[in-house]
Amino acid sequence: MSKVFKSIFPYNQELVAEYPLMSTAAIDMALKKAATGYHHWSKQVYAIRAEILNKVAALLRRDRDKLATLISREMGKVLPEAKGEVEKCALVCEYYAENAGKFLEDETIEAGYYRSFVSYHPIGAVLAIMPWNFPFWQVFRFAAPTLMAGNVGLLKHAPNVTGCSLAIEQIFLEAGAPEGVFQSLVIDIPEVEQLVAANIVQAVTLTGSERAGTSVAMLAGKYIKKSLLELGGSDALIVLADADIEKAATVAIQSRMLNAGQSCIASKRFIVEQAVKDEFIDQLQIQLKKLKQGDPFAEGITTGPMARIDLALELERQMRSSIAAGAVLQLGGAIEQANFEPSLLLNVQAGMATFEEEAFGPLASVIQVANEAEAIVVANLSSYGLGGSIWTRDVEKGIALGRKINSGAVFVNSLVKSDPRLPFGGIKKSGYGRELGRQGILEFVNAKTIAAEQ
């Protein structure tokens, strides 16, 4: 096992920093701190917890530029997107600070007793295993509801964004969170079982790959701990013949190329009715040609590098495999280290790598269908089910068709995105459980039934 994690600037592979891994003794100490922190934090009223979360939001905004620079340096996101990510984290803290008390109020149930109700209580420490693509947002969308519910958080972040992980812990400490309430652990995969097995850890949440999700679900099952998995996606963007084609294409490229295409809920399969296929492809090319890839800190750059060279090579494999199977490379395709040119594939069909697998990077795939009925069938052929969108001028038809798509979310005439107010999560190989909204805070609490007779 490596003794350090290395932070590498993806654009030019420059070494940013090295971080030593924690010892077994240090991990044990972190678990003891979590237990002590939970003992005190779980007893605090919502107003006290909310005060801390609101301070965290203020600190995020105060240090936005510095934190955004750290994000871009570690994983390559263009700087404006990184700044937006920090702001979104502040918003989710404020959202749960304001709403947690209401979400977790006793819920009266009429069942023939003098009084019967459900009371919601914290459960302990929640271990979060988080990815690198949104190194702040992924953490805060777990941490804000978890901490407001009275639990404490343990973070095992992706190795290449260790600087972000440690910065988040410092923000909570500066905001006045007691020691042990939120800790970032610099550990590798073999140490995860030690954490899941610990008595104080009562749940584990993971955002990551299907393979990682399988491993974590097995560990959670072994130790009988609650688990939540947010895994990959291969979202369908369905363009019907009556859609606003220019708007659909503009949002399609925005969705696909945001964060250099490294987003679970990016639209990855553009499913378009034959009648408007050519017009849609023309508009896609217009939007793609506006993009400019390069140094994420440079003015005018819209698309940074992918986070690691191995990720770019995997995307290239999927692209080349699909071309060999009959897809057509219409635009892009150039690759230099982690820099993958925004690219467009046509004539993609079921069975191809870019249809069957999650293509995690700046590569869009166009799939032609005869009509809206076939569009729904093709959308549902995916083994994933995270999000999806439908484009049509008939909104009611779009909503009706949205009910037929097998996914955790469907947006009509809109970019698919995570919003603190809306439940977020998937089905099938995209995982299970929900984050955000009221459902998100209910995932990691004890829903205790209390019934009484006089």
Protein backbone atom coordinates (compact mmCIF):
# COMPACT_ATOMS: atom_id res chain seq x y z
CA MET A 1 0.00 0.00 0.00
CA SER A 2 1.23 3.47 -0.87
CA LYS A 3 2.26 5.57 2.13
CA VAL A 4 1.05 8.82 0.54
CA PHE A 5 -1.72 10.10 -1.67
CA LYS A 6 -0.57 12.37 -4.48
CA SER A 7 -2.53 15.37 -5.71
CA ILE A 8 -1.78 15.96 -9.41
CA PHE A 9 -2.92 18.91 -11.54
CA PRO A 10 -4.66 17.04 -14.40
CA TYR A 11 -3.98 19.61 -17.09
CA ASN A 12 -0.18 19.19 -17.09
CA GLN A 13 0.39 16.37 -14.55
CA GLU A 14 2.23 18.68 -12.15
CA LEU A 15 2.52 17.39 -8.59
CA VAL A 16 0.46 19.62 -6.29
CA ALA A 17 0.94 17.93 -2.90
CA GLU A 18 1.48 14.65 -1.09
CA TYR A 19 -0.50 13.49 1.93
CA PRO A 20 0.59 10.72 4.33
CA LEU A 21 -1.99 8.05 5.07
CA MET A 22 -3.32 7.60 8.59
CA SER A 23 -2.02 4.83 10.82
CA THR A 24 -4.27 2.21 12.41
CA ALA A 25 -3.87 4.01 15.71
CA ALA A 26 -4.96 7.30 14.14
CA ILE A 27 -8.06 5.63 12.67
CA ASP A 28 -8.93 4.20 16.09
CA MET A 29 -8.57 7.66 17.60
CA ALA A 30 -10.87 9.11 14.93
CA LEU A 31 -13.53 6.54 15.79
CA LYS A 32 -13.25 7.42 19.48
CA LYS A 33 -13.61 11.11 18.63
CA ALA A 34 -16.69 10.29 16.54
CA ALA A 35 -18.25 8.43 19.47
CA THR A 36 -17.55 11.29 21.87
CA GLY A 37 -18.70 13.87 19.34
CA TYR A 38 -21.93 11.97 18.73
CA HIS A 39 -22.65 11.73 22.46
CA HIS A 40 -22.75 15.54 22.67
CA TRP A 41 -23.93 16.51 19.18
CA SER A 42 -26.97 14.21 19.17
CA LYS A 43 -28.29 15.98 22.25
CA GLN A 44 -28.10 19.47 20.75
CA VAL A 45 -31.30 21.20 19.68
CA TYR A 46 -31.83 21.99 16.00
CA ALA A 47 -31.13 25.68 16.57
CA ILE A 48 -27.58 24.94 17.77
CA ARG A 49 -26.88 22.61 14.85
CA ALA A 50 -28.35 25.15 12.44
CA GLU A 51 -26.09 27.88 13.82
CA ILE A 52 -23.04 25.77 12.95
CA LEU A 53 -24.33 24.91 9.46
CA ASN A 54 -25.08 28.56 8.72
CA LYS A 55 -21.56 29.49 9.82
CA VAL A 56 -20.21 26.82 7.49
CA ALA A 57 -22.18 28.41 4.63
CA ALA A 58 -20.75 31.83 5.47
CA LEU A 59 -17.20 30.46 5.52
CA LEU A 60 -17.71 28.73 2.16
CA ARG A 61 -18.73 32.06 0.64
CA ARG A 62 -15.91 33.94 2.37
CA ASP A 63 -13.30 31.53 1.01
CA ARG A 64 -15.02 30.74 -2.30
CA ASP A 65 -12.17 31.77 -4.57
CA LYS A 66 -9.52 29.95 -2.54
CA LEU A 67 -11.59 26.79 -2.30
CA ALA A 68 -12.50 26.89 -5.99
CA THR A 69 -8.82 27.17 -6.87
CA LEU A 70 -8.12 24.08 -4.79
CA ILE A 71 -10.91 22.16 -6.56
CA SER A 72 -9.62 23.13 -10.01
CA ARG A 73 -6.04 22.36 -9.08
CA GLU A 74 -6.83 18.88 -7.80
CA MET A 75 -9.38 17.61 -10.35
CA GLY A 76 -9.27 20.01 -13.31
CA LYS A 77 -12.70 21.66 -13.22
CA VAL A 78 -12.77 25.08 -14.92
CA LEU A 79 -12.65 27.82 -12.30
CA PRO A 80 -16.16 29.31 -12.84
CA GLU A 81 -17.70 25.85 -12.38
CA ALA A 82 -15.66 25.33 -9.21
CA LYS A 83 -16.91 28.63 -7.78
CA GLY A 84 -20.47 27.58 -8.56
CA GLU A 85 -19.89 24.28 -6.77
CA VAL A 86 -18.79 26.07 -3.59
CA GLU A 87 -21.87 28.29 -3.67
CA LYS A 88 -24.14 25.26 -4.08
CA CYS A 89 -22.58 23.76 -0.94
CA ALA A 90 -23.44 26.91 1.00
CA LEU A 91 -27.03 26.68 -0.22
CA VAL A 92 -27.48 23.06 0.90
CA CYS A 93 -26.17 23.93 4.36
CA GLU A 94 -28.67 26.77 4.65
CA TYR A 95 -31.49 24.61 3.30
CA TYR A 96 -31.12 21.92 5.94
CA ALA A 97 -30.38 24.44 8.68
CA GLU A 98 -33.75 26.00 7.93
CA ASN A 99 -35.78 22.86 7.30
CA ALA A 100 -34.36 19.97 9.36
CA GLY A 101 -36.54 20.67 12.41
CA LYS A 102 -39.67 20.69 10.28
CA PHE A 103 -38.64 17.56 8.34
CA LEU A 104 -38.05 15.61 11.56
CA GLU A 105 -41.07 16.70 13.57
CA ASP A 106 -43.09 13.95 15.21
CA GLU A 107 -45.50 12.48 12.67
CA THR A 108 -48.92 11.64 14.11
CA ILE A 109 -50.52 8.40 12.93
CA GLU A 110 -54.12 7.56 13.75
CA ALA A 111 -54.11 3.87 14.68
CA GLY A 112 -56.72 3.56 17.43
CA TYR A 113 -54.41 4.45 20.35
CA TYR A 114 -54.65 7.39 22.74
CA ARG A 115 -51.54 8.68 21.00
CA SER A 116 -49.45 7.10 18.28
CA PHE A 117 -46.73 8.76 16.28
CA VAL A 118 -43.33 8.36 14.63
CA SER A 119 -40.42 10.12 16.28
CA TYR A 120 -37.15 10.64 14.39
CA HIS A 121 -33.77 10.18 16.10
CA PRO A 122 -30.09 10.16 15.04
CA ILE A 123 -28.32 6.82 14.79
CA GLY A 124 -24.57 7.46 15.16
CA ALA A 125 -21.75 8.07 12.71
CA VAL A 126 -22.32 7.95 8.96
CA LEU A 127 -19.32 6.95 6.87
CA ALA A 128 -19.23 8.69 3.48
CA ILE A 129 -17.09 7.36 0.65
CA MET A 130 -17.02 10.13 -1.90
CA PRO A 131 -15.70 10.65 -5.47
CA TRP A 132 -13.50 13.29 -7.02
CA ASN A 133 -15.79 14.77 -9.70
CA PHE A 134 -17.60 17.20 -7.38
CA PRO A 135 -15.19 17.11 -4.44
CA PHE A 136 -17.10 19.63 -2.32
CA TRP A 137 -20.73 19.19 -3.43
CA GLN A 138 -20.80 15.40 -3.05
CA VAL A 139 -19.58 15.80 0.52
CA PHE A 140 -21.93 18.57 1.55
CA ARG A 141 -25.04 16.95 0.15
CA PHE A 142 -24.38 14.08 2.58
CA ALA A 143 -22.99 16.16 5.45
CA ALA A 144 -25.66 18.85 5.74
CA PRO A 145 -28.64 16.53 6.37
CA THR A 146 -26.55 14.00 8.30
CA LEU A 147 -25.29 16.55 10.80
CA MET A 148 -28.58 18.41 11.11
CA ALA A 149 -30.25 15.10 12.01
CA GLY A 150 -27.82 14.79 14.94
CA ASN A 151 -25.47 12.23 13.43
CA VAL A 152 -21.74 12.76 12.97
CA GLY A 153 -19.82 12.34 9.72
CA LEU A 154 -16.69 10.42 8.71
CA LEU A 155 -15.36 11.15 5.23
CA LYS A 156 -13.19 8.86 3.13
CA HIS A 157 -12.60 10.95 0.03
CA ALA A 158 -11.02 10.05 -3.31
CA PRO A 159 -7.20 10.08 -3.06
CA ASN A 160 -6.68 12.71 -5.78
CA VAL A 161 -8.77 15.32 -3.90
CA THR A 162 -7.31 14.85 -0.43
CA GLY A 163 -6.61 18.57 -0.18
CA CYS A 164 -10.31 19.27 -0.65
CA SER A 165 -11.19 16.66 1.95
CA LEU A 166 -8.97 18.21 4.61
CA ALA A 167 -10.15 21.71 3.74
CA ILE A 168 -13.76 20.69 4.38
CA GLU A 169 -12.90 19.37 7.83
CA GLN A 170 -11.20 22.65 8.68
CA ILE A 171 -14.28 24.61 7.61
CA PHE A 172 -16.47 22.67 10.05
CA LEU A 173 -13.96 23.17 12.86
CA GLU A 174 -13.68 26.90 12.17
CA ALA A 175 -17.47 27.15 12.17
CA GLY A 176 -17.49 25.79 15.72
CA ALA A 177 -18.46 22.17 15.16
CA PRO A 178 -17.26 20.17 18.18
CA GLU A 179 -14.34 17.82 17.67
CA GLY A 180 -15.50 14.52 16.20
CA VAL A 181 -18.63 15.87 14.53
CA PHE A 182 -17.02 15.90 11.08
CA GLN A 183 -13.71 14.21 10.30
CA SER A 184 -11.80 13.64 7.07
CA LEU A 185 -9.85 10.39 7.11
CA VAL A 186 -6.85 9.96 4.80
CA ILE A 187 -7.18 6.22 4.31
CA ASP A 188 -7.04 3.70 1.50
CA ILE A 189 -9.60 1.06 0.48
CA PRO A 190 -8.33 -1.75 2.77
CA GLU A 191 -9.08 0.38 5.84
CA VAL A 192 -12.75 0.88 4.95
CA GLU A 193 -13.84 -2.39 6.55
CA GLN A 194 -12.37 -1.31 9.89
CA LEU A 195 -14.65 1.72 9.78
CA VAL A 196 -17.80 -0.08 8.66
CA ALA A 197 -17.27 -2.67 11.41
CA ALA A 198 -16.96 -0.04 14.18
CA ASN A 199 -19.92 0.15 16.56
CA ILE A 200 -20.23 3.93 16.28
CA VAL A 201 -20.66 3.70 12.49
CA GLN A 202 -24.29 2.85 11.80
CA ALA A 203 -24.53 3.69 8.10
CA VAL A 204 -22.41 4.10 5.01
CA THR A 205 -23.13 6.23 1.94
CA LEU A 206 -21.18 5.94 -1.28
CA THR A 207 -21.14 7.90 -4.49
CA GLY A 208 -19.00 6.17 -7.08
CA SER A 209 -18.68 3.32 -9.52
CA GLU A 210 -20.80 0.21 -9.77
CA ARG A 211 -17.82 -1.87 -8.66
CA ALA A 212 -17.25 0.28 -5.57
CA GLY A 213 -20.96 0.14 -4.79
CA THR A 214 -20.94 -3.65 -4.91
CA SER A 215 -18.03 -3.80 -2.46
CA VAL A 216 -19.58 -1.33 -0.02
CA ALA A 217 -23.00 -3.00 -0.15
CA MET A 218 -21.37 -6.33 0.70
CA LEU A 219 -19.53 -4.79 3.66
CA ALA A 220 -22.66 -3.05 4.90
CA GLY A 221 -24.55 -6.31 4.68
CA LYS A 222 -21.79 -8.20 6.49
CA TYR A 223 -21.95 -5.84 9.46
CA ILE A 224 -25.69 -5.09 9.21
CA LYS A 225 -25.31 -1.38 8.58
CA LYS A 226 -27.66 0.83 6.57
CA SER A 227 -26.26 1.76 3.15
CA LEU A 228 -27.05 4.27 0.42
CA LEU A 229 -25.50 3.99 -3.04
CA GLU A 230 -25.43 6.66 -5.73
CA LEU A 231 -23.65 5.00 -8.62
CA GLY A 232 -23.25 5.58 -12.33
CA GLY A 233 -25.70 6.85 -14.87
CA SER A 234 -26.24 6.76 -18.61
CA ASP A 235 -29.03 9.29 -18.77
CA ALA A 236 -31.21 9.54 -21.84
CA LEU A 237 -32.02 12.92 -23.34
CA ILE A 238 -35.06 12.33 -25.55
CA VAL A 239 -35.75 14.85 -28.31
CA LEU A 240 -39.23 14.54 -29.79
CA ALA A 241 -40.20 15.87 -33.20
CA ASP A 242 -42.15 18.80 -31.70
CA ALA A 243 -39.28 19.99 -29.47
CA ASP A 244 -37.51 23.36 -29.58
CA ILE A 245 -34.50 21.83 -31.31
CA GLU A 246 -32.06 24.69 -30.76
CA LYS A 247 -32.82 24.85 -27.03
CA ALA A 248 -32.69 21.06 -26.69
CA ALA A 249 -29.29 20.90 -28.39
CA THR A 250 -27.92 23.80 -26.35
CA VAL A 251 -28.90 22.19 -23.05
CA ALA A 252 -27.78 18.75 -24.28
CA ILE A 253 -24.24 20.01 -24.84
CA GLN A 254 -24.29 21.93 -21.56
CA SER A 255 -25.34 18.80 -19.72
CA ARG A 256 -22.91 16.49 -21.51
CA MET A 257 -19.85 18.75 -21.29
CA LEU A 258 -20.29 20.25 -17.81
CA ASN A 259 -17.33 19.29 -15.61
CA ALA A 260 -15.61 17.87 -18.72
CA GLY A 261 -18.44 15.35 -18.98
CA GLN A 262 -17.63 13.85 -15.57
CA SER A 263 -21.07 13.90 -14.02
CA CYS A 264 -23.33 11.01 -13.03
CA ILE A 265 -26.43 12.86 -14.24
CA ALA A 266 -24.97 14.22 -17.46
CA SER A 267 -27.06 13.41 -20.51
CA LYS A 268 -25.00 10.69 -22.15
CA ARG A 269 -27.37 9.18 -24.71
CA PHE A 270 -29.11 11.66 -27.02
CA ILE A 271 -32.18 9.81 -28.33
CA VAL A 272 -33.77 11.76 -31.17
CA GLU A 273 -36.75 11.16 -33.42
CA GLN A 274 -35.77 10.56 -37.03
CA ALA A 275 -37.85 13.50 -38.32
CA VAL A 276 -35.61 16.05 -36.53
CA LYS A 277 -32.35 14.10 -36.35
CA ASP A 278 -30.44 16.15 -38.94
CA GLU A 279 -31.52 19.49 -37.48
CA PHE A 280 -30.61 18.33 -33.99
CA ILE A 281 -27.17 17.13 -35.08
CA ASP A 282 -26.53 20.44 -36.86
CA GLN A 283 -27.38 22.33 -33.66
CA LEU A 284 -25.20 20.02 -31.58
CA GLN A 285 -22.23 20.77 -33.79
CA ILE A 286 -22.85 24.50 -33.55
CA GLN A 287 -22.79 24.28 -29.75
CA LEU A 288 -19.78 21.95 -29.64
CA LYS A 289 -17.71 24.27 -31.81
CA LYS A 290 -18.22 27.04 -29.24
CA LEU A 291 -16.37 25.04 -26.61
CA LYS A 292 -12.71 25.60 -25.88
CA GLN A 293 -10.66 23.07 -23.99
CA GLY A 294 -7.51 23.88 -22.07
CA ASP A 295 -6.02 25.10 -18.80
CA PRO A 296 -8.97 25.39 -16.36
CA PHE A 297 -7.48 28.60 -14.96
CA ALA A 298 -7.20 30.32 -18.36
CA GLU A 299 -9.69 32.96 -19.48
CA GLY A 300 -12.31 31.73 -21.95
CA ILE A 301 -11.73 28.02 -21.38
CA THR A 302 -15.02 26.12 -21.17
CA THR A 303 -13.76 22.57 -20.71
CA GLY A 304 -10.89 21.46 -18.53
CA PRO A 305 -9.05 18.15 -18.61
CA MET A 306 -10.43 14.92 -17.27
CA ALA A 307 -9.34 14.23 -13.71
CA ARG A 308 -6.81 11.49 -14.50
CA ILE A 309 -5.03 10.00 -17.50
CA ASP A 310 -6.47 6.53 -16.88
CA LEU A 311 -9.99 7.95 -17.06
CA ALA A 312 -9.27 9.53 -20.43
CA LEU A 313 -7.83 6.26 -21.71
CA GLU A 314 -10.95 4.38 -20.61
CA LEU A 315 -13.20 6.86 -22.43
CA GLU A 316 -11.02 6.50 -25.52
CA ARG A 317 -11.46 2.73 -25.32
CA GLN A 318 -15.24 3.11 -25.23
CA MET A 319 -15.16 5.53 -28.14
CA ARG A 320 -12.89 3.34 -30.32
CA SER A 321 -14.91 0.23 -29.48
CA SER A 322 -18.14 1.96 -30.55
CA ILE A 323 -16.57 3.19 -33.79
CA ALA A 324 -15.39 -0.32 -34.55
CA ALA A 325 -18.98 -1.49 -34.04
CA GLY A 326 -20.39 1.06 -36.50
CA ALA A 327 -20.63 4.41 -34.73
CA VAL A 328 -19.38 7.48 -36.59
CA LEU A 329 -17.04 10.05 -35.03
CA GLN A 330 -18.53 13.35 -36.21
CA LEU A 331 -16.42 15.77 -34.15
CA GLY A 332 -13.45 15.63 -31.79
CA GLY A 333 -11.60 12.51 -30.77
CA ALA A 334 -8.21 14.04 -30.02
CA ILE A 335 -6.58 13.03 -26.74
CA GLU A 336 -3.42 14.26 -25.00
CA GLN A 337 -2.77 12.82 -21.54
CA ALA A 338 -5.88 13.75 -19.52
CA ASN A 339 -7.09 16.30 -22.07
CA PHE A 340 -9.94 14.73 -24.05
CA GLU A 341 -11.40 16.90 -26.80
CA PRO A 342 -15.20 17.33 -26.62
CA SER A 343 -16.48 14.74 -29.08
CA LEU A 344 -19.65 13.63 -30.86
CA LEU A 345 -20.55 10.10 -31.96
CA LEU A 346 -23.40 9.38 -34.39
CA ASN A 347 -25.19 6.13 -35.22
CA VAL A 348 -24.76 4.76 -31.70
CA GLN A 349 -26.86 1.67 -31.04
CA ALA A 350 -27.62 -0.82 -28.28
CA GLY A 351 -24.73 -3.20 -27.73
CA MET A 352 -22.04 -0.55 -28.25
CA ALA A 353 -19.78 0.43 -25.36
CA THR A 354 -21.04 4.02 -25.29
CA PHE A 355 -24.62 2.75 -25.02
CA GLU A 356 -24.18 -0.09 -22.54
CA GLU A 357 -21.55 1.46 -20.26
CA GLU A 358 -21.30 4.79 -18.50
CA ALA A 359 -19.17 7.05 -20.69
CA PHE A 360 -17.70 9.35 -18.05
CA GLY A 361 -16.20 12.23 -19.99
CA PRO A 362 -16.82 14.76 -22.80
CA LEU A 363 -18.25 12.32 -25.36
CA ALA A 364 -21.85 12.60 -26.61
CA SER A 365 -23.71 9.80 -28.38
CA VAL A 366 -26.64 10.28 -30.78
CA ILE A 367 -29.18 7.48 -31.16
CA GLN A 368 -31.89 7.66 -33.82
CA VAL A 369 -35.42 6.32 -33.20
CA ALA A 370 -38.56 6.25 -35.32
CA ASN A 371 -41.03 7.67 -32.80
CA GLU A 372 -41.66 8.51 -29.15
CA ALA A 373 -42.69 4.97 -28.27
CA GLU A 374 -39.36 3.62 -29.50
CA ALA A 375 -37.58 6.45 -27.67
CA ILE A 376 -38.98 5.24 -24.33
CA VAL A 377 -38.03 1.64 -25.11
CA VAL A 378 -34.46 2.63 -26.01
CA ALA A 379 -34.13 4.87 -22.95
CA ASN A 380 -35.14 1.98 -20.71
CA LEU A 381 -32.71 -0.49 -22.29
CA SER A 382 -29.93 0.89 -20.10
CA SER A 383 -28.90 -1.04 -16.99
CA TYR A 384 -28.67 2.36 -15.25
CA GLY A 385 -31.53 4.50 -13.99
CA LEU A 386 -30.37 7.77 -12.46
CA GLY A 387 -31.95 10.60 -14.44
CA GLY A 388 -33.24 11.58 -17.84
CA SER A 389 -34.92 14.37 -19.76
CA ILE A 390 -37.60 14.78 -22.40
CA TRP A 391 -37.84 17.66 -24.86
CA THR A 392 -41.23 18.53 -26.32
CA ARG A 393 -43.44 21.59 -26.70
CA ASP A 394 -46.30 19.55 -25.21
CA VAL A 395 -45.37 19.63 -21.53
CA GLU A 396 -48.21 17.37 -20.40
CA LYS A 397 -47.14 14.76 -22.93
CA GLY A 398 -43.59 15.10 -21.64
CA ILE A 399 -44.75 14.47 -18.07
CA ALA A 400 -46.81 11.46 -19.16
CA LEU A 401 -43.83 9.98 -21.00
CA GLY A 402 -41.60 10.79 -18.02
CA ARG A 403 -43.67 8.40 -15.91
CA LYS A 404 -42.63 5.60 -18.30
CA ILE A 405 -38.88 6.15 -17.96
CA ASN A 406 -37.21 3.85 -15.44
CA SER A 407 -35.04 6.27 -13.49
CA GLY A 408 -34.85 8.20 -10.24
CA ALA A 409 -35.62 11.53 -11.91
CA VAL A 410 -37.00 12.92 -15.16
CA PHE A 411 -36.84 16.58 -16.18
CA VAL A 412 -39.03 17.94 -18.98
CA ASN A 413 -37.52 20.73 -21.09
CA SER A 414 -34.83 21.30 -18.49
CA LEU A 415 -31.29 20.39 -17.55
CA VAL A 416 -31.15 17.39 -15.20
CA LYS A 417 -29.54 18.60 -11.98
CA SER A 418 -29.38 17.97 -8.27
CA ASP A 419 -31.26 20.50 -6.16
CA PRO A 420 -31.30 20.63 -2.33
CA ARG A 421 -35.11 20.69 -2.42
CA LEU A 422 -35.57 17.64 -4.68
CA PRO A 423 -34.89 13.98 -3.79
CA PHE A 424 -31.94 12.59 -5.74
CA GLY A 425 -30.95 9.00 -6.44
CA GLY A 426 -31.33 6.09 -8.81
CA ILE A 427 -32.64 2.61 -9.47
CA LYS A 428 -31.20 -0.49 -11.14
CA LYS A 429 -27.39 -0.30 -11.31
CA SER A 430 -27.50 3.39 -10.45
CA GLY A 431 -27.97 2.41 -6.83
CA TYR A 432 -30.61 2.88 -4.13
CA GLY A 433 -31.68 5.37 -1.51
CA ARG A 434 -32.24 9.09 -1.82
CA GLU A 435 -30.24 12.18 -1.00
CA LEU A 436 -31.52 15.75 -0.69
CA GLY A 437 -35.04 16.95 0.02
CA ARG A 438 -36.92 15.57 3.03
CA GLN A 439 -36.21 12.03 1.85
CA GLY A 440 -32.48 12.71 2.14
CA ILE A 441 -32.56 13.50 5.84
CA LEU A 442 -34.84 10.52 6.55
CA GLU A 443 -32.31 8.02 5.17
CA PHE A 444 -30.10 8.07 8.25
CA VAL A 445 -32.46 8.42 11.20
CA ASN A 446 -34.30 5.98 13.42
CA ALA A 447 -38.01 6.24 12.61
CA LYS A 448 -39.25 5.20 16.05
CA THR A 449 -42.90 4.24 16.53
CA ILE A 450 -44.38 5.34 19.85
CA ALA A 451 -47.91 4.25 20.79
CA ALA A 452 -49.66 4.87 24.12
CA GLU A 453 -52.93 4.07 25.83
CA GLN A 454 -54.27 5.87 28.87
